[in-house]
ModelCIF file with pLDDT and N, C-alpha, C, O atoms, coordinates in Angstrom:
data_MODEL
#
_entry.id   MODEL 
#
_entity.id                         1 
_entity.type                       polymer 
_entity.pdbx_number_of_molecules   1 
#
_entity_poly.entity_id                      1 
_entity_poly.type                           'polypeptide(L)' 
_entity_poly.nstd_linkage                   no 
_entity_poly.nstd_monomer                   no 
_entity_poly.pdbx_seq_one_letter_code       
;(UNK)(UNK)(UNK)(UNK)(UNK)(UNK)(UNK)(UNK)(UNK)(UNK)(UNK)(UNK)(UNK)(UNK)(UNK)(UNK)
(UNK)(UNK)(UNK)(UNK)(UNK)(UNK)(UNK)(UNK)(UNK)(UNK)(UNK)(UNK)(UNK)(UNK)(UNK)(UNK)
(UNK)(UNK)(UNK)(UNK)(UNK)(UNK)(UNK)(UNK)(UNK)(UNK)(UNK)(UNK)(UNK)(UNK)(UNK)(UNK)
;
_entity_poly.pdbx_seq_one_letter_code_can   XXXXXXXXXXXXXXXXXXXXXXXXXXXXXXXXXXXXXXXXXXXXXXXX 
_entity_poly.pdbx_strand_id                 A 
#
loop_
_entity_poly_seq.entity_id 
_entity_poly_seq.num 
_entity_poly_seq.mon_id 
_entity_poly_seq.hetero 
1 1  UNK n 
1 2  UNK n 
1 3  UNK n 
1 4  UNK n 
1 5  UNK n 
1 6  UNK n 
1 7  UNK n 
1 8  UNK n 
1 9  UNK n 
1 10 UNK n 
1 11 UNK n 
1 12 UNK n 
1 13 UNK n 
1 14 UNK n 
1 15 UNK n 
1 16 UNK n 
1 17 UNK n 
1 18 UNK n 
1 19 UNK n 
1 20 UNK n 
1 21 UNK n 
1 22 UNK n 
1 23 UNK n 
1 24 UNK n 
1 25 UNK n 
1 26 UNK n 
1 27 UNK n 
1 28 UNK n 
1 29 UNK n 
1 30 UNK n 
1 31 UNK n 
1 32 UNK n 
1 33 UNK n 
1 34 UNK n 
1 35 UNK n 
1 36 UNK n 
1 37 UNK n 
1 38 UNK n 
1 39 UNK n 
1 40 UNK n 
1 41 UNK n 
1 42 UNK n 
1 43 UNK n 
1 44 UNK n 
1 45 UNK n 
1 46 UNK n 
1 47 UNK n 
1 48 UNK n 
#
_struct_asym.id          A 
_struct_asym.entity_id   1 
#
loop_
_ma_qa_metric.id 
_ma_qa_metric.mode 
_ma_qa_metric.name 
_ma_qa_metric.software_group_id 
_ma_qa_metric.type 
1 global pLDDT . pLDDT 
2 local  pLDDT . pLDDT 
#
_ma_qa_metric_global.metric_id      1 
_ma_qa_metric_global.metric_value   95.08 
_ma_qa_metric_global.model_id       1 
_ma_qa_metric_global.ordinal_id     1 
#
loop_
_ma_qa_metric_local.label_asym_id 
_ma_qa_metric_local.label_comp_id 
_ma_qa_metric_local.label_seq_id 
_ma_qa_metric_local.metric_id 
_ma_qa_metric_local.metric_value 
_ma_qa_metric_local.model_id 
_ma_qa_metric_local.ordinal_id 
A UNK 1  2 88.00 1 1  
A UNK 2  2 89.00 1 2  
A UNK 3  2 93.00 1 3  
A UNK 4  2 90.00 1 4  
A UNK 5  2 90.00 1 5  
A UNK 6  2 86.00 1 6  
A UNK 7  2 92.00 1 7  
A UNK 8  2 94.00 1 8  
A UNK 9  2 94.00 1 9  
A UNK 10 2 95.00 1 10 
A UNK 11 2 97.00 1 11 
A UNK 12 2 97.00 1 12 
A UNK 13 2 98.00 1 13 
A UNK 14 2 97.00 1 14 
A UNK 15 2 96.00 1 15 
A UNK 16 2 96.00 1 16 
A UNK 17 2 96.00 1 17 
A UNK 18 2 96.00 1 18 
A UNK 19 2 94.00 1 19 
A UNK 20 2 94.00 1 20 
A UNK 21 2 95.00 1 21 
A UNK 22 2 96.00 1 22 
A UNK 23 2 97.00 1 23 
A UNK 24 2 96.00 1 24 
A UNK 25 2 97.00 1 25 
A UNK 26 2 98.00 1 26 
A UNK 27 2 98.00 1 27 
A UNK 28 2 98.00 1 28 
A UNK 29 2 98.00 1 29 
A UNK 30 2 98.00 1 30 
A UNK 31 2 98.00 1 31 
A UNK 32 2 98.00 1 32 
A UNK 33 2 97.00 1 33 
A UNK 34 2 97.00 1 34 
A UNK 35 2 98.00 1 35 
A UNK 36 2 98.00 1 36 
A UNK 37 2 98.00 1 37 
A UNK 38 2 97.00 1 38 
A UNK 39 2 96.00 1 39 
A UNK 40 2 96.00 1 40 
A UNK 41 2 96.00 1 41 
A UNK 42 2 95.00 1 42 
A UNK 43 2 94.00 1 43 
A UNK 44 2 95.00 1 44 
A UNK 45 2 94.00 1 45 
A UNK 46 2 94.00 1 46 
A UNK 47 2 91.00 1 47 
A UNK 48 2 89.00 1 48 
#
loop_
_atom_site.group_PDB 
_atom_site.id 
_atom_site.type_symbol 
_atom_site.label_atom_id 
_atom_site.label_alt_id 
_atom_site.label_comp_id 
_atom_site.label_asym_id 
_atom_site.label_entity_id 
_atom_site.label_seq_id 
_atom_site.pdbx_PDB_ins_code 
_atom_site.Cartn_x 
_atom_site.Cartn_y 
_atom_site.Cartn_z 
_atom_site.occupancy 
_atom_site.B_iso_or_equiv 
_atom_site.pdbx_formal_charge 
_atom_site.auth_seq_id 
_atom_site.auth_comp_id 
_atom_site.auth_asym_id 
_atom_site.auth_atom_id 
_atom_site.pdbx_PDB_model_num 
ATOM 1   N N  . UNK A 1 1  ? -4.276 21.300 24.658 1.00 88.00 ? 1  UNK A N  1 
ATOM 2   C CA . UNK A 1 1  ? -3.042 20.699 25.149 1.00 88.00 ? 1  UNK A CA 1 
ATOM 3   C C  . UNK A 1 1  ? -1.953 20.720 24.073 1.00 88.00 ? 1  UNK A C  1 
ATOM 4   O O  . UNK A 1 1  ? -0.763 20.745 24.387 1.00 88.00 ? 1  UNK A O  1 
ATOM 5   N N  . UNK A 1 2  ? -2.365 20.709 22.816 1.00 89.00 ? 2  UNK A N  1 
ATOM 6   C CA . UNK A 1 2  ? -1.420 20.719 21.696 1.00 89.00 ? 2  UNK A CA 1 
ATOM 7   C C  . UNK A 1 2  ? -1.180 22.124 21.158 1.00 89.00 ? 2  UNK A C  1 
ATOM 8   O O  . UNK A 1 2  ? -0.121 22.419 20.605 1.00 89.00 ? 2  UNK A O  1 
ATOM 9   N N  . UNK A 1 3  ? -2.167 22.976 21.326 1.00 93.00 ? 3  UNK A N  1 
ATOM 10  C CA . UNK A 1 3  ? -2.065 24.362 20.856 1.00 93.00 ? 3  UNK A CA 1 
ATOM 11  C C  . UNK A 1 3  ? -2.424 25.261 22.042 1.00 93.00 ? 3  UNK A C  1 
ATOM 12  O O  . UNK A 1 3  ? -3.571 25.690 22.162 1.00 93.00 ? 3  UNK A O  1 
ATOM 13  N N  . UNK A 1 4  ? -1.469 25.549 22.909 1.00 90.00 ? 4  UNK A N  1 
ATOM 14  C CA . UNK A 1 4  ? -1.788 26.211 24.177 1.00 90.00 ? 4  UNK A CA 1 
ATOM 15  C C  . UNK A 1 4  ? -2.081 27.700 24.085 1.00 90.00 ? 4  UNK A C  1 
ATOM 16  O O  . UNK A 1 4  ? -2.578 28.277 25.051 1.00 90.00 ? 4  UNK A O  1 
ATOM 17  N N  . UNK A 1 5  ? -1.791 28.344 22.958 1.00 90.00 ? 5  UNK A N  1 
ATOM 18  C CA . UNK A 1 5  ? -1.913 29.796 22.892 1.00 90.00 ? 5  UNK A CA 1 
ATOM 19  C C  . UNK A 1 5  ? -2.993 30.247 21.915 1.00 90.00 ? 5  UNK A C  1 
ATOM 20  O O  . UNK A 1 5  ? -2.696 30.660 20.794 1.00 90.00 ? 5  UNK A O  1 
ATOM 21  N N  . UNK A 1 6  ? -4.228 30.166 22.344 1.00 86.00 ? 6  UNK A N  1 
ATOM 22  C CA . UNK A 1 6  ? -5.376 30.746 21.623 1.00 86.00 ? 6  UNK A CA 1 
ATOM 23  C C  . UNK A 1 6  ? -5.400 30.370 20.150 1.00 86.00 ? 6  UNK A C  1 
ATOM 24  O O  . UNK A 1 6  ? -5.511 31.233 19.279 1.00 86.00 ? 6  UNK A O  1 
ATOM 25  N N  . UNK A 1 7  ? -5.294 29.075 19.882 1.00 92.00 ? 7  UNK A N  1 
ATOM 26  C CA . UNK A 1 7  ? -5.419 28.558 18.521 1.00 92.00 ? 7  UNK A CA 1 
ATOM 27  C C  . UNK A 1 7  ? -4.318 29.040 17.579 1.00 92.00 ? 7  UNK A C  1 
ATOM 28  O O  . UNK A 1 7  ? -4.499 29.060 16.361 1.00 92.00 ? 7  UNK A O  1 
ATOM 29  N N  . UNK A 1 8  ? -3.180 29.427 18.149 1.00 94.00 ? 8  UNK A N  1 
ATOM 30  C CA . UNK A 1 8  ? -2.060 29.870 17.338 1.00 94.00 ? 8  UNK A CA 1 
ATOM 31  C C  . UNK A 1 8  ? -0.802 29.088 17.710 1.00 94.00 ? 8  UNK A C  1 
ATOM 32  O O  . UNK A 1 8  ? -0.655 28.629 18.843 1.00 94.00 ? 8  UNK A O  1 
ATOM 33  N N  . UNK A 1 9  ? 0.096  28.943 16.746 1.00 94.00 ? 9  UNK A N  1 
ATOM 34  C CA . UNK A 1 9  ? 1.391  28.341 17.019 1.00 94.00 ? 9  UNK A CA 1 
ATOM 35  C C  . UNK A 1 9  ? 2.479  29.308 16.569 1.00 94.00 ? 9  UNK A C  1 
ATOM 36  O O  . UNK A 1 9  ? 2.268  30.135 15.682 1.00 94.00 ? 9  UNK A O  1 
ATOM 37  N N  . UNK A 1 10 ? 3.636  29.190 17.190 1.00 95.00 ? 10 UNK A N  1 
ATOM 38  C CA . UNK A 1 10 ? 4.766  30.037 16.834 1.00 95.00 ? 10 UNK A CA 1 
ATOM 39  C C  . UNK A 1 10 ? 5.644  29.324 15.817 1.00 95.00 ? 10 UNK A C  1 
ATOM 40  O O  . UNK A 1 10 ? 5.941  28.138 15.958 1.00 95.00 ? 10 UNK A O  1 
ATOM 41  N N  . UNK A 1 11 ? 6.051  30.056 14.796 1.00 97.00 ? 11 UNK A N  1 
ATOM 42  C CA . UNK A 1 11 ? 6.963  29.538 13.790 1.00 97.00 ? 11 UNK A CA 1 
ATOM 43  C C  . UNK A 1 11 ? 8.196  30.427 13.728 1.00 97.00 ? 11 UNK A C  1 
ATOM 44  O O  . UNK A 1 11 ? 8.099  31.651 13.812 1.00 97.00 ? 11 UNK A O  1 
ATOM 45  N N  . UNK A 1 12 ? 9.360  29.793 13.580 1.00 97.00 ? 12 UNK A N  1 
ATOM 46  C CA . UNK A 1 12 ? 10.595 30.521 13.309 1.00 97.00 ? 12 UNK A CA 1 
ATOM 47  C C  . UNK A 1 12 ? 11.007 30.220 11.876 1.00 97.00 ? 12 UNK A C  1 
ATOM 48  O O  . UNK A 1 12 ? 10.859 29.097 11.394 1.00 97.00 ? 12 UNK A O  1 
ATOM 49  N N  . UNK A 1 13 ? 11.518 31.226 11.213 1.00 98.00 ? 13 UNK A N  1 
ATOM 50  C CA . UNK A 1 13 ? 11.817 31.106 9.795  1.00 98.00 ? 13 UNK A CA 1 
ATOM 51  C C  . UNK A 1 13 ? 13.328 31.127 9.547  1.00 98.00 ? 13 UNK A C  1 
ATOM 52  O O  . UNK A 1 13 ? 14.114 31.483 10.426 1.00 98.00 ? 13 UNK A O  1 
ATOM 53  N N  . UNK A 1 14 ? 13.704 30.744 8.353  1.00 97.00 ? 14 UNK A N  1 
ATOM 54  C CA . UNK A 1 14 ? 15.121 30.568 8.060  1.00 97.00 ? 14 UNK A CA 1 
ATOM 55  C C  . UNK A 1 14 ? 15.887 31.883 7.973  1.00 97.00 ? 14 UNK A C  1 
ATOM 56  O O  . UNK A 1 14 ? 17.116 31.873 7.910  1.00 97.00 ? 14 UNK A O  1 
ATOM 57  N N  . UNK A 1 15 ? 15.186 33.010 7.967  1.00 96.00 ? 15 UNK A N  1 
ATOM 58  C CA . UNK A 1 15 ? 15.877 34.300 7.984  1.00 96.00 ? 15 UNK A CA 1 
ATOM 59  C C  . UNK A 1 15 ? 16.069 34.831 9.397  1.00 96.00 ? 15 UNK A C  1 
ATOM 60  O O  . UNK A 1 15 ? 16.674 35.886 9.587  1.00 96.00 ? 15 UNK A O  1 
ATOM 61  N N  . UNK A 1 16 ? 15.550 34.099 10.402 1.00 96.00 ? 16 UNK A N  1 
ATOM 62  C CA . UNK A 1 16 ? 15.783 34.473 11.796 1.00 96.00 ? 16 UNK A CA 1 
ATOM 63  C C  . UNK A 1 16 ? 14.599 35.045 12.532 1.00 96.00 ? 16 UNK A C  1 
ATOM 64  O O  . UNK A 1 16 ? 14.660 35.171 13.755 1.00 96.00 ? 16 UNK A O  1 
ATOM 65  N N  . UNK A 1 17 ? 13.508 35.404 11.847 1.00 96.00 ? 17 UNK A N  1 
ATOM 66  C CA . UNK A 1 17 ? 12.387 35.995 12.572 1.00 96.00 ? 17 UNK A CA 1 
ATOM 67  C C  . UNK A 1 17 ? 11.425 34.906 13.048 1.00 96.00 ? 17 UNK A C  1 
ATOM 68  O O  . UNK A 1 17 ? 11.384 33.805 12.500 1.00 96.00 ? 17 UNK A O  1 
ATOM 69  N N  . UNK A 1 18 ? 10.658 35.243 14.076 1.00 96.00 ? 18 UNK A N  1 
ATOM 70  C CA . UNK A 1 18 ? 9.688  34.335 14.687 1.00 96.00 ? 18 UNK A CA 1 
ATOM 71  C C  . UNK A 1 18 ? 8.358  35.066 14.821 1.00 96.00 ? 18 UNK A C  1 
ATOM 72  O O  . UNK A 1 18 ? 8.327  36.240 15.191 1.00 96.00 ? 18 UNK A O  1 
ATOM 73  N N  . UNK A 1 19 ? 7.266  34.379 14.523 1.00 94.00 ? 19 UNK A N  1 
ATOM 74  C CA . UNK A 1 19 ? 5.956  35.007 14.671 1.00 94.00 ? 19 UNK A CA 1 
ATOM 75  C C  . UNK A 1 19 ? 4.897  33.942 14.930 1.00 94.00 ? 19 UNK A C  1 
ATOM 76  O O  . UNK A 1 19 ? 5.120  32.751 14.712 1.00 94.00 ? 19 UNK A O  1 
ATOM 77  N N  . UNK A 1 20 ? 3.740  34.399 15.399 1.00 94.00 ? 20 UNK A N  1 
ATOM 78  C CA . UNK A 1 20 ? 2.609  33.496 15.637 1.00 94.00 ? 20 UNK A CA 1 
ATOM 79  C C  . UNK A 1 20 ? 1.763  33.395 14.379 1.00 94.00 ? 20 UNK A C  1 
ATOM 80  O O  . UNK A 1 20 ? 1.633  34.348 13.610 1.00 94.00 ? 20 UNK A O  1 
ATOM 81  N N  . UNK A 1 21 ? 1.198  32.221 14.194 1.00 95.00 ? 21 UNK A N  1 
ATOM 82  C CA . UNK A 1 21 ? 0.364  31.958 13.032 1.00 95.00 ? 21 UNK A CA 1 
ATOM 83  C C  . UNK A 1 21 ? -0.839 31.139 13.485 1.00 95.00 ? 21 UNK A C  1 
ATOM 84  O O  . UNK A 1 21 ? -0.663 30.171 14.224 1.00 95.00 ? 21 UNK A O  1 
ATOM 85  N N  . UNK A 1 22 ? -2.053 31.491 13.070 1.00 96.00 ? 22 UNK A N  1 
ATOM 86  C CA . UNK A 1 22 ? -3.210 30.646 13.400 1.00 96.00 ? 22 UNK A CA 1 
ATOM 87  C C  . UNK A 1 22 ? -3.007 29.235 12.865 1.00 96.00 ? 22 UNK A C  1 
ATOM 88  O O  . UNK A 1 22 ? -2.421 29.049 11.798 1.00 96.00 ? 22 UNK A O  1 
ATOM 89  N N  . UNK A 1 23 ? -3.484 28.254 13.596 1.00 97.00 ? 23 UNK A N  1 
ATOM 90  C CA . UNK A 1 23 ? -3.345 26.869 13.156 1.00 97.00 ? 23 UNK A CA 1 
ATOM 91  C C  . UNK A 1 23 ? -3.933 26.682 11.768 1.00 97.00 ? 23 UNK A C  1 
ATOM 92  O O  . UNK A 1 23 ? -3.357 25.981 10.936 1.00 97.00 ? 23 UNK A O  1 
ATOM 93  N N  . UNK A 1 24 ? -5.081 27.307 11.513 1.00 96.00 ? 24 UNK A N  1 
ATOM 94  C CA . UNK A 1 24 ? -5.687 27.173 10.191 1.00 96.00 ? 24 UNK A CA 1 
ATOM 95  C C  . UNK A 1 24 ? -4.821 27.829 9.113  1.00 96.00 ? 24 UNK A C  1 
ATOM 96  O O  . UNK A 1 24 ? -4.851 27.414 7.955  1.00 96.00 ? 24 UNK A O  1 
ATOM 97  N N  . UNK A 1 25 ? -4.050 28.854 9.493  1.00 97.00 ? 25 UNK A N  1 
ATOM 98  C CA . UNK A 1 25 ? -3.122 29.455 8.558  1.00 97.00 ? 25 UNK A CA 1 
ATOM 99  C C  . UNK A 1 25 ? -1.976 28.517 8.233  1.00 97.00 ? 25 UNK A C  1 
ATOM 100 O O  . UNK A 1 25 ? -1.532 28.438 7.088  1.00 97.00 ? 25 UNK A O  1 
ATOM 101 N N  . UNK A 1 26 ? -1.492 27.797 9.256  1.00 98.00 ? 26 UNK A N  1 
ATOM 102 C CA . UNK A 1 26 ? -0.450 26.789 9.038  1.00 98.00 ? 26 UNK A CA 1 
ATOM 103 C C  . UNK A 1 26 ? -0.952 25.723 8.070  1.00 98.00 ? 26 UNK A C  1 
ATOM 104 O O  . UNK A 1 26 ? -0.244 25.331 7.142  1.00 98.00 ? 26 UNK A O  1 
ATOM 105 N N  . UNK A 1 27 ? -2.168 25.262 8.292  1.00 98.00 ? 27 UNK A N  1 
ATOM 106 C CA . UNK A 1 27 ? -2.733 24.218 7.435  1.00 98.00 ? 27 UNK A CA 1 
ATOM 107 C C  . UNK A 1 27 ? -2.969 24.741 6.019  1.00 98.00 ? 27 UNK A C  1 
ATOM 108 O O  . UNK A 1 27 ? -2.777 24.009 5.048  1.00 98.00 ? 27 UNK A O  1 
ATOM 109 N N  . UNK A 1 28 ? -3.384 26.000 5.898  1.00 98.00 ? 28 UNK A N  1 
ATOM 110 C CA . UNK A 1 28 ? -3.619 26.575 4.580  1.00 98.00 ? 28 UNK A CA 1 
ATOM 111 C C  . UNK A 1 28 ? -2.325 26.680 3.777  1.00 98.00 ? 28 UNK A C  1 
ATOM 112 O O  . UNK A 1 28 ? -2.340 26.623 2.548  1.00 98.00 ? 28 UNK A O  1 
ATOM 113 N N  . UNK A 1 29 ? -1.197 26.835 4.491  1.00 98.00 ? 29 UNK A N  1 
ATOM 114 C CA . UNK A 1 29 ? 0.106  26.918 3.831  1.00 98.00 ? 29 UNK A CA 1 
ATOM 115 C C  . UNK A 1 29 ? 0.741  25.550 3.608  1.00 98.00 ? 29 UNK A C  1 
ATOM 116 O O  . UNK A 1 29 ? 1.885  25.446 3.167  1.00 98.00 ? 29 UNK A O  1 
ATOM 117 N N  . UNK A 1 30 ? -0.018 24.505 3.920  1.00 98.00 ? 30 UNK A N  1 
ATOM 118 C CA . UNK A 1 30 ? 0.439  23.127 3.744  1.00 98.00 ? 30 UNK A CA 1 
ATOM 119 C C  . UNK A 1 30 ? -0.408 22.453 2.681  1.00 98.00 ? 30 UNK A C  1 
ATOM 120 O O  . UNK A 1 30 ? -1.635 22.482 2.782  1.00 98.00 ? 30 UNK A O  1 
ATOM 121 N N  . UNK A 1 31 ? 0.193  21.849 1.667  1.00 98.00 ? 31 UNK A N  1 
ATOM 122 C CA . UNK A 1 31 ? -0.605 21.236 0.596  1.00 98.00 ? 31 UNK A CA 1 
ATOM 123 C C  . UNK A 1 31 ? -1.435 20.062 1.095  1.00 98.00 ? 31 UNK A C  1 
ATOM 124 O O  . UNK A 1 31 ? -1.085 19.406 2.076  1.00 98.00 ? 31 UNK A O  1 
ATOM 125 N N  . UNK A 1 32 ? -2.522 19.813 0.414  1.00 98.00 ? 32 UNK A N  1 
ATOM 126 C CA . UNK A 1 32 ? -3.339 18.637 0.710  1.00 98.00 ? 32 UNK A CA 1 
ATOM 127 C C  . UNK A 1 32 ? -2.671 17.401 0.106  1.00 98.00 ? 32 UNK A C  1 
ATOM 128 O O  . UNK A 1 32 ? -1.697 17.507 -0.639 1.00 98.00 ? 32 UNK A O  1 
ATOM 129 N N  . UNK A 1 33 ? -3.204 16.244 0.437  1.00 97.00 ? 33 UNK A N  1 
ATOM 130 C CA . UNK A 1 33 ? -2.667 15.000 -0.118 1.00 97.00 ? 33 UNK A CA 1 
ATOM 131 C C  . UNK A 1 33 ? -2.793 14.964 -1.637 1.00 97.00 ? 33 UNK A C  1 
ATOM 132 O O  . UNK A 1 33 ? -2.002 14.300 -2.307 1.00 97.00 ? 33 UNK A O  1 
ATOM 133 N N  . UNK A 1 34 ? -3.773 15.666 -2.184 1.00 97.00 ? 34 UNK A N  1 
ATOM 134 C CA . UNK A 1 34 ? -3.938 15.714 -3.642 1.00 97.00 ? 34 UNK A CA 1 
ATOM 135 C C  . UNK A 1 34 ? -2.938 16.672 -4.283 1.00 97.00 ? 34 UNK A C  1 
ATOM 136 O O  . UNK A 1 34 ? -2.629 16.550 -5.468 1.00 97.00 ? 34 UNK A O  1 
ATOM 137 N N  . UNK A 1 35 ? -2.431 17.632 -3.494 1.00 98.00 ? 35 UNK A N  1 
ATOM 138 C CA . UNK A 1 35 ? -1.495 18.617 -4.029 1.00 98.00 ? 35 UNK A CA 1 
ATOM 139 C C  . UNK A 1 35 ? -0.034 18.240 -3.794 1.00 98.00 ? 35 UNK A C  1 
ATOM 140 O O  . UNK A 1 35 ? 0.869  18.789 -4.426 1.00 98.00 ? 35 UNK A O  1 
ATOM 141 N N  . UNK A 1 36 ? 0.184  17.304 -2.887 1.00 98.00 ? 36 UNK A N  1 
ATOM 142 C CA . UNK A 1 36 ? 1.542  16.841 -2.556 1.00 98.00 ? 36 UNK A CA 1 
ATOM 143 C C  . UNK A 1 36 ? 1.449  15.328 -2.484 1.00 98.00 ? 36 UNK A C  1 
ATOM 144 O O  . UNK A 1 36 ? 1.085  14.763 -1.452 1.00 98.00 ? 36 UNK A O  1 
ATOM 145 N N  . UNK A 1 37 ? 1.776  14.690 -3.574 1.00 98.00 ? 37 UNK A N  1 
ATOM 146 C CA . UNK A 1 37 ? 1.463  13.276 -3.742 1.00 98.00 ? 37 UNK A CA 1 
ATOM 147 C C  . UNK A 1 37 ? 2.649  12.413 -3.323 1.00 98.00 ? 37 UNK A C  1 
ATOM 148 O O  . UNK A 1 37 ? 3.761  12.574 -3.827 1.00 98.00 ? 37 UNK A O  1 
ATOM 149 N N  . UNK A 1 38 ? 2.394  11.497 -2.394 1.00 97.00 ? 38 UNK A N  1 
ATOM 150 C CA . UNK A 1 38 ? 3.393  10.512 -1.987 1.00 97.00 ? 38 UNK A CA 1 
ATOM 151 C C  . UNK A 1 38 ? 2.781  9.118  -2.151 1.00 97.00 ? 38 UNK A C  1 
ATOM 152 O O  . UNK A 1 38 ? 1.561  8.950  -2.126 1.00 97.00 ? 38 UNK A O  1 
ATOM 153 N N  . UNK A 1 39 ? 3.646  8.142  -2.316 1.00 96.00 ? 39 UNK A N  1 
ATOM 154 C CA . UNK A 1 39 ? 3.148  6.787  -2.582 1.00 96.00 ? 39 UNK A CA 1 
ATOM 155 C C  . UNK A 1 39 ? 2.449  6.177  -1.374 1.00 96.00 ? 39 UNK A C  1 
ATOM 156 O O  . UNK A 1 39 ? 1.550  5.351  -1.527 1.00 96.00 ? 39 UNK A O  1 
ATOM 157 N N  . UNK A 1 40 ? 2.860  6.582  -0.174 1.00 96.00 ? 40 UNK A N  1 
ATOM 158 C CA . UNK A 1 40 ? 2.228  6.070  1.040  1.00 96.00 ? 40 UNK A CA 1 
ATOM 159 C C  . UNK A 1 40 ? 2.574  6.984  2.199  1.00 96.00 ? 40 UNK A C  1 
ATOM 160 O O  . UNK A 1 40 ? 3.531  7.755  2.130  1.00 96.00 ? 40 UNK A O  1 
ATOM 161 N N  . UNK A 1 41 ? 1.793  6.895  3.263  1.00 96.00 ? 41 UNK A N  1 
ATOM 162 C CA . UNK A 1 41 ? 2.047  7.647  4.491  1.00 96.00 ? 41 UNK A CA 1 
ATOM 163 C C  . UNK A 1 41 ? 1.331  6.949  5.633  1.00 96.00 ? 41 UNK A C  1 
ATOM 164 O O  . UNK A 1 41 ? 0.510  6.066  5.386  1.00 96.00 ? 41 UNK A O  1 
ATOM 165 N N  . UNK A 1 42 ? 1.619  7.319  6.892  1.00 95.00 ? 42 UNK A N  1 
ATOM 166 C CA . UNK A 1 42 ? 0.934  6.690  8.020  1.00 95.00 ? 42 UNK A CA 1 
ATOM 167 C C  . UNK A 1 42 ? -0.578 6.843  7.929  1.00 95.00 ? 42 UNK A C  1 
ATOM 168 O O  . UNK A 1 42 ? -1.083 7.800  7.341  1.00 95.00 ? 42 UNK A O  1 
ATOM 169 N N  . UNK A 1 43 ? -1.286 5.898  8.514  1.00 94.00 ? 43 UNK A N  1 
ATOM 170 C CA . UNK A 1 43 ? -2.744 5.918  8.450  1.00 94.00 ? 43 UNK A CA 1 
ATOM 171 C C  . UNK A 1 43 ? -3.333 7.144  9.130  1.00 94.00 ? 43 UNK A C  1 
ATOM 172 O O  . UNK A 1 43 ? -4.391 7.633  8.734  1.00 94.00 ? 43 UNK A O  1 
ATOM 173 N N  . UNK A 1 44 ? -2.646 7.639  10.152 1.00 95.00 ? 44 UNK A N  1 
ATOM 174 C CA . UNK A 1 44 ? -3.138 8.818  10.871 1.00 95.00 ? 44 UNK A CA 1 
ATOM 175 C C  . UNK A 1 44 ? -1.963 9.611  11.414 1.00 95.00 ? 44 UNK A C  1 
ATOM 176 O O  . UNK A 1 44 ? -1.091 9.060  12.086 1.00 95.00 ? 44 UNK A O  1 
ATOM 177 N N  . UNK A 1 45 ? -1.939 10.896 11.123 1.00 94.00 ? 45 UNK A N  1 
ATOM 178 C CA . UNK A 1 45 ? -0.877 11.741 11.656 1.00 94.00 ? 45 UNK A CA 1 
ATOM 179 C C  . UNK A 1 45 ? 0.444  11.544 10.937 1.00 94.00 ? 45 UNK A C  1 
ATOM 180 O O  . UNK A 1 45 ? 0.489  11.155 9.771  1.00 94.00 ? 45 UNK A O  1 
ATOM 181 N N  . UNK A 1 46 ? 1.529  11.827 11.669 1.00 94.00 ? 46 UNK A N  1 
ATOM 182 C CA . UNK A 1 46 ? 2.866  11.777 11.072 1.00 94.00 ? 46 UNK A CA 1 
ATOM 183 C C  . UNK A 1 46 ? 3.661  10.561 11.530 1.00 94.00 ? 46 UNK A C  1 
ATOM 184 O O  . UNK A 1 46 ? 4.847  10.442 11.221 1.00 94.00 ? 46 UNK A O  1 
ATOM 185 N N  . UNK A 1 47 ? 3.021  9.664  12.260 1.00 91.00 ? 47 UNK A N  1 
ATOM 186 C CA . UNK A 1 47 ? 3.703  8.451  12.687 1.00 91.00 ? 47 UNK A CA 1 
ATOM 187 C C  . UNK A 1 47 ? 4.858  8.731  13.630 1.00 91.00 ? 47 UNK A C  1 
ATOM 188 O O  . UNK A 1 47 ? 4.763  9.597  14.500 1.00 91.00 ? 47 UNK A O  1 
ATOM 189 N N  . UNK A 1 48 ? 5.951  7.996  13.457 1.00 89.00 ? 48 UNK A N  1 
ATOM 190 C CA . UNK A 1 48 ? 7.083  8.106  14.370 1.00 89.00 ? 48 UNK A CA 1 
ATOM 191 C C  . UNK A 1 48 ? 8.090  9.162  13.939 1.00 89.00 ? 48 UNK A C  1 
ATOM 192 O O  . UNK A 1 48 ? 9.098  9.367  14.615 1.00 89.00 ? 48 UNK A O  1 
#
């Protein structure tokens, strides 16, 4: 229901192109909490 297209999501980039990326690829390109340190965040997900 959240990822309707075969485990992939579409991303558009600041140069104008758009392409599909596997969800795990999106996550791999996103730092972990240990690599991107903030003082606090919602208990689950991105909150409001």
